[in-house]
C-alpha atoms as a PDB file:
ATOM      1  CA  VAL A   1       9.049   5.201 -23.744  1.00  0.00           C
ATOM      2  CA  ILE A   2       4.834   6.009 -23.246  1.00  0.00           C
ATOM      3  CA  GLY A   3       3.007   7.453 -26.094  1.00  0.00           C
ATOM      4  CA  ILE A   4       0.516  10.430 -25.941  1.00  0.00           C
ATOM      5  CA  ASP A   5      -2.486   8.311 -25.211  1.00  0.00           C
ATOM      6  CA  LEU A   6      -1.560   6.575 -22.326  1.00  0.00           C
ATOM      7  CA  LEU A   7       0.461  10.008 -20.824  1.00  0.00           C
ATOM      8  CA  SER A   8      -2.682  12.059 -21.198  1.00  0.00           C
ATOM      9  CA  GLN A   9      -5.166   9.497 -19.659  1.00  0.00           C
ATOM     10  CA  SER A  10      -2.645   9.133 -16.535  1.00  0.00           C
ATOM     11  CA  LEU A  11      -1.388  13.232 -16.532  1.00  0.00           C
ATOM     12  CA  LEU A  12      -4.582  14.751 -16.825  1.00  0.00           C
ATOM     13  CA  PRO A  13      -6.142  13.718 -14.323  1.00  0.00           C
ATOM     14  CA  ALA A  14      -3.795  14.835 -12.194  1.00  0.00           C
ATOM     15  CA  ILE A  15      -2.848  18.133 -13.772  1.00  0.00           C
ATOM     16  CA  VAL A  16      -6.521  19.055 -13.400  1.00  0.00           C
ATOM     17  CA  GLU A  17      -6.813  18.530  -9.702  1.00  0.00           C
ATOM     18  CA  LEU A  18      -3.868  19.742  -8.637  1.00  0.00           C
ATOM     19  CA  ALA A  19      -4.721  22.300 -10.288  1.00  0.00           C
ATOM     20  CA  GLU A  20      -7.709  23.213  -8.631  1.00  0.00           C
ATOM     21  CA  ASP A  21      -6.159  22.279  -5.178  1.00  0.00           C
ATOM     22  CA  ARG A  22      -6.943  25.324  -2.469  1.00  0.00           C
ATOM     23  CA  HIS A  23      -3.672  25.492  -2.067  1.00  0.00           C
ATOM     24  CA  TRP A  24      -1.931  28.879  -4.164  1.00  0.00           C
ATOM     25  CA  ARG A  25       1.675  27.513  -4.465  1.00  0.00           C
ATOM     26  CA  VAL A  26      -0.003  23.940  -5.621  1.00  0.00           C
ATOM     27  CA  ARG A  27      -1.436  25.876  -8.259  1.00  0.00           C
ATOM     28  CA  LEU A  28       1.245  27.699  -9.024  1.00  0.00           C
ATOM     29  CA  ALA A  29       4.006  24.335  -9.314  1.00  0.00           C
ATOM     30  CA  ILE A  30       1.412  23.378 -12.389  1.00  0.00           C
ATOM     31  CA  ILE A  31       1.399  26.795 -13.694  1.00  0.00           C
ATOM     32  CA  GLU A  32       4.973  26.812 -13.731  1.00  0.00           C
ATOM     33  CA  TYR A  33       5.202  23.357 -15.756  1.00  0.00           C
ATOM     34  CA  ILE A  34       2.350  23.922 -18.247  1.00  0.00           C
ATOM     35  CA  PRO A  35       5.371  25.667 -20.558  1.00  0.00           C
ATOM     36  CA  LEU A  36       7.219  22.069 -20.469  1.00  0.00           C
ATOM     37  CA  LEU A  37       4.181  19.978 -20.773  1.00  0.00           C
ATOM     38  CA  ALA A  38       2.763  22.120 -23.890  1.00  0.00           C
ATOM     39  CA  SER A  39       6.043  21.626 -25.780  1.00  0.00           C
ATOM     40  CA  GLN A  40       6.668  17.786 -24.932  1.00  0.00           C
ATOM     41  CA  LEU A  41       2.823  17.008 -25.465  1.00  0.00           C
ATOM     42  CA  GLY A  42       2.292  19.313 -28.591  1.00  0.00           C
ATOM     43  CA  VAL A  43       0.030  22.112 -29.640  1.00  0.00           C
ATOM     44  CA  GLY A  44      -3.173  20.242 -30.438  1.00  0.00           C
ATOM     45  CA  PHE A  45      -2.940  18.649 -27.316  1.00  0.00           C
ATOM     46  CA  PHE A  46      -2.206  21.947 -25.340  1.00  0.00           C
ATOM     47  CA  ASP A  47      -5.585  23.609 -27.217  1.00  0.00           C
ATOM     48  CA  ASP A  48      -7.563  20.453 -26.687  1.00  0.00           C
ATOM     49  CA  LYS A  49      -6.553  19.443 -23.266  1.00  0.00           C
ATOM     50  CA  LEU A  50      -5.144  22.566 -21.197  1.00  0.00           C
ATOM     51  CA  GLY A  51      -5.791  25.532 -22.945  1.00  0.00           C
ATOM     52  CA  ALA A  52      -9.207  25.902 -20.989  1.00  0.00           C
ATOM     53  CA  LEU A  53      -7.177  25.157 -17.939  1.00  0.00           C
ATOM     54  CA  CYS A  54      -4.635  27.626 -18.151  1.00  0.00           C
ATOM     55  CA  MET A  55      -8.079  30.494 -19.407  1.00  0.00           C
ATOM     56  CA  GLN A  56      -9.348  29.420 -15.732  1.00  0.00           C
ATOM     57  CA  TRP A  57      -6.416  30.402 -13.895  1.00  0.00           C
ATOM     58  CA  LEU A  58      -7.063  33.814 -15.215  1.00  0.00           C
ATOM     59  CA  GLU A  59     -10.516  34.415 -13.822  1.00  0.00           C
ATOM     60  CA  ASP A  60     -11.391  36.323 -10.762  1.00  0.00           C
ATOM     61  CA  GLN A  61     -12.588  34.191  -8.315  1.00  0.00           C
END
């Protein structure tokens, strides 16, 4: 079993990198996994690490 700290250290940078990919399909794939990640990692983790990232997706570029 992987702890949340270890998981966040390895997974979070990849999520952030993919969330900023120039291809919309890559970004869409990450967006589709966010609810699963949020439920598995908890509300606190989501608010601290992923909430701001999700809000960026709602902004016009």
